[in-house]
Amino acid sequence: MKKAIILDTSALIAKYYRLLPRNIFEVYTTENAVREVIDRENREALFEAIDLGLITVSNPGLQYVEEARKKAIEVGSIHKLSKTDIEVAALAIQLNNMGYTTIVITDDYELQNLLLYIGIGFKPLRTRGVNTLRVYRAYCPVCGYTPASPGVETCPLCGAKITRRQF
């Protein structure tokens, strides 16, 4: 059985890849997660790990990005997730479809909630993590607009702040 660990930016900064046994897990991340590691020390350590083959940088296929985006809309998290979060979830979906047992290492509660909704395992680093699925409806309280893209915080129609309600 193939096993994959996917690291988000917080896991890369924590250098979690140093703790993983390479004979058991294949370790992945996305290009955007790598780009988000901006401090010199962590960047140098990360590039060294990539050069040594400890981490594979892989971008998910477009159909998996779209699937992750649709799931984020369904759970009501699309406007709270970053493009990197969507890509990490998409890579997890892609690897799952390729026959891997996949675990995402992340402290991001919104990403954890999305992964729980999708049915992909995750492990938090420094937080307790999400253990109950929460489904939200994101909307503009003034005009009713519903966002369909990551990171939308204000309504493009009326300028009000996007809010959400838990179901």
C-alpha atoms as a PDB file:
ATOM      1  CA  MET A   1       0.000   0.000   0.000  1.00  0.00           C
ATOM      2  CA  LYS A   2       1.443   3.347  -1.050  1.00  0.00           C
ATOM      3  CA  LYS A   3       1.360   6.093   1.580  1.00  0.00           C
ATOM      4  CA  ALA A   4       1.686   9.812   0.897  1.00  0.00           C
ATOM      5  CA  ILE A   5       2.147  12.730   3.249  1.00  0.00           C
ATOM      6  CA  ILE A   6       1.297  16.184   1.895  1.00  0.00           C
ATOM      7  CA  LEU A   7       2.804  19.151   3.693  1.00  0.00           C
ATOM      8  CA  ASP A   8       1.198  22.569   3.711  1.00  0.00           C
ATOM      9  CA  THR A   9       3.205  25.739   4.339  1.00  0.00           C
ATOM     10  CA  SER A  10       3.086  25.479   8.146  1.00  0.00           C
ATOM     11  CA  ALA A  11       4.478  21.934   7.981  1.00  0.00           C
ATOM     12  CA  LEU A  12       7.260  23.075   5.638  1.00  0.00           C
ATOM     13  CA  ILE A  13       8.212  25.903   8.000  1.00  0.00           C
ATOM     14  CA  ALA A  14       8.193  23.469  10.942  1.00  0.00           C
ATOM     15  CA  LYS A  15      10.515  21.199   8.896  1.00  0.00           C
ATOM     16  CA  TYR A  16       8.170  18.276   9.517  1.00  0.00           C
ATOM     17  CA  TYR A  17       9.714  16.446   6.567  1.00  0.00           C
ATOM     18  CA  ARG A  18      12.778  15.754   8.734  1.00  0.00           C
ATOM     19  CA  LEU A  19      10.685  13.560  11.050  1.00  0.00           C
ATOM     20  CA  LEU A  20       9.175  11.280   8.417  1.00  0.00           C
ATOM     21  CA  PRO A  21      10.607   7.841   7.612  1.00  0.00           C
ATOM     22  CA  ARG A  22      11.255   7.849   3.854  1.00  0.00           C
ATOM     23  CA  ASN A  23      10.889   4.080   3.598  1.00  0.00           C
ATOM     24  CA  ILE A  24       7.227   4.316   4.642  1.00  0.00           C
ATOM     25  CA  PHE A  25       5.974   7.614   3.186  1.00  0.00           C
ATOM     26  CA  GLU A  26       6.354   9.577  -0.003  1.00  0.00           C
ATOM     27  CA  VAL A  27       6.341  13.281   0.923  1.00  0.00           C
ATOM     28  CA  TYR A  28       4.693  15.884  -1.320  1.00  0.00           C
ATOM     29  CA  THR A  29       3.937  19.586  -1.389  1.00  0.00           C
ATOM     30  CA  THR A  30       2.841  22.125  -3.989  1.00  0.00           C
ATOM     31  CA  GLU A  31       4.767  24.924  -5.718  1.00  0.00           C
ATOM     32  CA  ASN A  32       2.598  27.555  -4.038  1.00  0.00           C
ATOM     33  CA  ALA A  33       3.327  26.105  -0.594  1.00  0.00           C
ATOM     34  CA  VAL A  34       7.047  26.295  -1.389  1.00  0.00           C
ATOM     35  CA  ARG A  35       6.629  29.929  -2.535  1.00  0.00           C
ATOM     36  CA  GLU A  36       4.984  30.821   0.779  1.00  0.00           C
ATOM     37  CA  VAL A  37       8.134  29.855   2.716  1.00  0.00           C
ATOM     38  CA  ILE A  38       9.860  33.229   2.551  1.00  0.00           C
ATOM     39  CA  ASP A  39      12.354  33.433   5.400  1.00  0.00           C
ATOM     40  CA  ARG A  40      15.918  32.589   4.413  1.00  0.00           C
ATOM     41  CA  GLU A  41      16.664  29.821   6.916  1.00  0.00           C
ATOM     42  CA  ASN A  42      13.530  27.792   6.206  1.00  0.00           C
ATOM     43  CA  ARG A  43      13.804  28.378   2.455  1.00  0.00           C
ATOM     44  CA  GLU A  44      17.381  27.089   2.346  1.00  0.00           C
ATOM     45  CA  ALA A  45      16.458  24.018   4.420  1.00  0.00           C
ATOM     46  CA  LEU A  46      13.429  23.373   2.208  1.00  0.00           C
ATOM     47  CA  PHE A  47      15.396  23.619  -1.057  1.00  0.00           C
ATOM     48  CA  GLU A  48      18.032  21.317   0.380  1.00  0.00           C
ATOM     49  CA  ALA A  49      15.317  18.760   1.246  1.00  0.00           C
ATOM     50  CA  ILE A  50      13.879  19.060  -2.275  1.00  0.00           C
ATOM     51  CA  ASP A  51      17.347  18.621  -3.810  1.00  0.00           C
ATOM     52  CA  LEU A  52      17.953  15.531  -1.658  1.00  0.00           C
ATOM     53  CA  GLY A  53      14.657  14.031  -2.806  1.00  0.00           C
ATOM     54  CA  LEU A  54      13.027  14.183   0.640  1.00  0.00           C
ATOM     55  CA  ILE A  55      10.097  16.180  -0.765  1.00  0.00           C
ATOM     56  CA  THR A  56       8.460  15.982  -4.173  1.00  0.00           C
ATOM     57  CA  VAL A  57       6.983  19.252  -5.404  1.00  0.00           C
ATOM     58  CA  SER A  58       3.901  18.458  -7.469  1.00  0.00           C
ATOM     59  CA  ASN A  59       0.995  20.498  -8.722  1.00  0.00           C
ATOM     60  CA  PRO A  60      -2.401  18.792  -8.955  1.00  0.00           C
ATOM     61  CA  GLY A  61      -4.232  18.414 -12.239  1.00  0.00           C
ATOM     62  CA  LEU A  62      -6.826  21.028 -13.110  1.00  0.00           C
ATOM     63  CA  GLN A  63      -9.731  18.595 -12.689  1.00  0.00           C
ATOM     64  CA  TYR A  64      -8.623  17.933  -9.094  1.00  0.00           C
ATOM     65  CA  VAL A  65      -8.284  21.658  -8.374  1.00  0.00           C
ATOM     66  CA  GLU A  66     -11.812  22.121  -9.682  1.00  0.00           C
ATOM     67  CA  GLU A  67     -13.063  19.199  -7.573  1.00  0.00           C
ATOM     68  CA  ALA A  68     -11.438  20.655  -4.428  1.00  0.00           C
ATOM     69  CA  ARG A  69     -12.900  24.075  -5.237  1.00  0.00           C
ATOM     70  CA  LYS A  70     -16.401  22.585  -5.654  1.00  0.00           C
ATOM     71  CA  LYS A  71     -16.086  20.729  -2.336  1.00  0.00           C
ATOM     72  CA  ALA A  72     -14.951  23.967  -0.655  1.00  0.00           C
ATOM     73  CA  ILE A  73     -18.037  25.716  -2.030  1.00  0.00           C
ATOM     74  CA  GLU A  74     -20.256  22.868  -0.782  1.00  0.00           C
ATOM     75  CA  VAL A  75     -18.828  23.079   2.746  1.00  0.00           C
ATOM     76  CA  GLY A  76     -18.948  26.907   2.721  1.00  0.00           C
ATOM     77  CA  SER A  77     -15.197  27.491   3.104  1.00  0.00           C
ATOM     78  CA  ILE A  78     -14.198  28.723  -0.342  1.00  0.00           C
ATOM     79  CA  HIS A  79     -13.769  32.359   0.677  1.00  0.00           C
ATOM     80  CA  LYS A  80     -11.718  31.424   3.774  1.00  0.00           C
ATOM     81  CA  LEU A  81      -9.255  29.163   1.936  1.00  0.00           C
ATOM     82  CA  SER A  82      -6.219  30.336  -0.010  1.00  0.00           C
ATOM     83  CA  LYS A  83      -5.253  29.148  -3.462  1.00  0.00           C
ATOM     84  CA  THR A  84      -2.499  27.109  -1.795  1.00  0.00           C
ATOM     85  CA  ASP A  85      -5.031  25.433   0.524  1.00  0.00           C
ATOM     86  CA  ILE A  86      -7.191  24.463  -2.463  1.00  0.00           C
ATOM     87  CA  GLU A  87      -4.138  23.066  -4.269  1.00  0.00           C
ATOM     88  CA  VAL A  88      -3.052  21.047  -1.219  1.00  0.00           C
ATOM     89  CA  ALA A  89      -6.545  19.530  -0.993  1.00  0.00           C
ATOM     90  CA  ALA A  90      -6.545  18.911  -4.751  1.00  0.00           C
ATOM     91  CA  LEU A  91      -3.183  17.139  -4.563  1.00  0.00           C
ATOM     92  CA  ALA A  92      -4.569  14.961  -1.759  1.00  0.00           C
ATOM     93  CA  ILE A  93      -7.597  14.059  -3.915  1.00  0.00           C
ATOM     94  CA  GLN A  94      -5.331  13.284  -6.878  1.00  0.00           C
ATOM     95  CA  LEU A  95      -2.998  11.045  -4.864  1.00  0.00           C
ATOM     96  CA  ASN A  96      -6.011   9.286  -3.284  1.00  0.00           C
ATOM     97  CA  ASN A  97      -7.334   8.576  -6.775  1.00  0.00           C
ATOM     98  CA  MET A  98      -3.917   7.172  -7.708  1.00  0.00           C
ATOM     99  CA  GLY A  99      -4.223   4.584  -4.922  1.00  0.00           C
ATOM    100  CA  TYR A 100      -2.286   6.295  -2.148  1.00  0.00           C
ATOM    101  CA  THR A 101      -3.333   6.431   1.466  1.00  0.00           C
ATOM    102  CA  THR A 102      -3.004  10.184   1.908  1.00  0.00           C
ATOM    103  CA  ILE A 103      -2.484  12.323   5.005  1.00  0.00           C
ATOM    104  CA  VAL A 104      -2.201  16.110   4.942  1.00  0.00           C
ATOM    105  CA  ILE A 105      -0.111  17.802   7.639  1.00  0.00           C
ATOM    106  CA  THR A 106      -1.675  21.185   8.433  1.00  0.00           C
ATOM    107  CA  ASP A 107      -2.691  23.461  11.292  1.00  0.00           C
ATOM    108  CA  ASP A 108      -5.201  25.329   9.107  1.00  0.00           C
ATOM    109  CA  TYR A 109      -8.685  24.674  10.541  1.00  0.00           C
ATOM    110  CA  GLU A 110     -10.474  25.572   7.306  1.00  0.00           C
ATOM    111  CA  LEU A 111      -8.300  23.165   5.328  1.00  0.00           C
ATOM    112  CA  GLN A 112      -8.828  20.463   7.962  1.00  0.00           C
ATOM    113  CA  ASN A 113     -12.595  20.965   7.783  1.00  0.00           C
ATOM    114  CA  LEU A 114     -12.483  20.664   3.976  1.00  0.00           C
ATOM    115  CA  LEU A 115     -10.383  17.496   4.194  1.00  0.00           C
ATOM    116  CA  LEU A 116     -12.804  16.038   6.737  1.00  0.00           C
ATOM    117  CA  TYR A 117     -15.660  16.794   4.326  1.00  0.00           C
ATOM    118  CA  ILE A 118     -13.802  15.180   1.415  1.00  0.00           C
ATOM    119  CA  GLY A 119     -12.797  12.158   3.495  1.00  0.00           C
ATOM    120  CA  ILE A 120      -9.028  12.643   3.475  1.00  0.00           C
ATOM    121  CA  GLY A 121      -6.952  12.161   6.605  1.00  0.00           C
ATOM    122  CA  PHE A 122      -4.991  14.980   8.199  1.00  0.00           C
ATOM    123  CA  LYS A 123      -2.737  15.565  11.169  1.00  0.00           C
ATOM    124  CA  PRO A 124      -2.350  18.905  12.925  1.00  0.00           C
ATOM    125  CA  LEU A 125       1.073  20.060  14.078  1.00  0.00           C
ATOM    126  CA  ARG A 126       0.571  22.442  16.984  1.00  0.00           C
ATOM    127  CA  THR A 127      -3.204  22.588  17.329  1.00  0.00           C
ATOM    128  CA  ARG A 128      -5.863  20.147  18.438  1.00  0.00           C
ATOM    129  CA  GLY A 129      -7.322  20.018  14.987  1.00  0.00           C
ATOM    130  CA  VAL A 130     -10.870  19.689  13.744  1.00  0.00           C
ATOM    131  CA  ASN A 131     -12.842  16.652  14.838  1.00  0.00           C
ATOM    132  CA  THR A 132     -16.377  17.724  13.893  1.00  0.00           C
ATOM    133  CA  LEU A 133     -17.396  18.697  10.383  1.00  0.00           C
ATOM    134  CA  ARG A 134     -18.873  22.162  10.061  1.00  0.00           C
ATOM    135  CA  VAL A 135     -20.825  23.145   6.986  1.00  0.00           C
ATOM    136  CA  TYR A 136     -21.318  26.842   6.316  1.00  0.00           C
ATOM    137  CA  ARG A 137     -23.120  29.036   3.881  1.00  0.00           C
ATOM    138  CA  ALA A 138     -21.021  32.012   2.823  1.00  0.00           C
ATOM    139  CA  TYR A 139     -22.966  35.023   1.585  1.00  0.00           C
ATOM    140  CA  CYS A 140     -23.242  38.788   1.508  1.00  0.00           C
ATOM    141  CA  PRO A 141     -25.704  39.857   4.227  1.00  0.00           C
ATOM    142  CA  VAL A 142     -26.702  42.938   2.230  1.00  0.00           C
ATOM    143  CA  CYS A 143     -27.434  41.654  -1.284  1.00  0.00           C
ATOM    144  CA  GLY A 144     -27.209  37.845  -0.972  1.00  0.00           C
ATOM    145  CA  TYR A 145     -24.186  37.332  -3.258  1.00  0.00           C
ATOM    146  CA  THR A 146     -22.481  33.928  -2.757  1.00  0.00           C
ATOM    147  CA  PRO A 147     -18.701  33.794  -3.450  1.00  0.00           C
ATOM    148  CA  ALA A 148     -17.320  31.089  -5.725  1.00  0.00           C
ATOM    149  CA  SER A 149     -13.616  31.935  -5.456  1.00  0.00           C
ATOM    150  CA  PRO A 150     -10.994  31.595  -2.720  1.00  0.00           C
ATOM    151  CA  GLY A 151     -10.117  34.617  -0.615  1.00  0.00           C
ATOM    152  CA  VAL A 152     -13.210  36.745  -1.309  1.00  0.00           C
ATOM    153  CA  GLU A 153     -13.747  38.924   1.757  1.00  0.00           C
ATOM    154  CA  THR A 154     -15.940  41.698   0.372  1.00  0.00           C
ATOM    155  CA  CYS A 155     -18.916  41.544  -1.937  1.00  0.00           C
ATOM    156  CA  PRO A 156     -18.036  42.657  -5.478  1.00  0.00           C
ATOM    157  CA  LEU A 157     -21.610  43.889  -5.982  1.00  0.00           C
ATOM    158  CA  CYS A 158     -22.213  46.079  -2.941  1.00  0.00           C
ATOM    159  CA  GLY A 159     -18.915  46.152  -1.024  1.00  0.00           C
ATOM    160  CA  ALA A 160     -20.234  44.599   2.202  1.00  0.00           C
ATOM    161  CA  LYS A 161     -18.138  42.079   4.143  1.00  0.00           C
ATOM    162  CA  ILE A 162     -18.819  38.428   3.286  1.00  0.00           C
ATOM    163  CA  THR A 163     -20.119  36.499   6.283  1.00  0.00           C
ATOM    164  CA  ARG A 164     -21.119  32.915   6.832  1.00  0.00           C
ATOM    165  CA  ARG A 165     -23.571  30.954   8.877  1.00  0.00           C
ATOM    166  CA  GLN A 166     -23.104  27.418  10.140  1.00  0.00           C
ATOM    167  CA  PHE A 167     -25.765  24.849   9.263  1.00  0.00           C
END
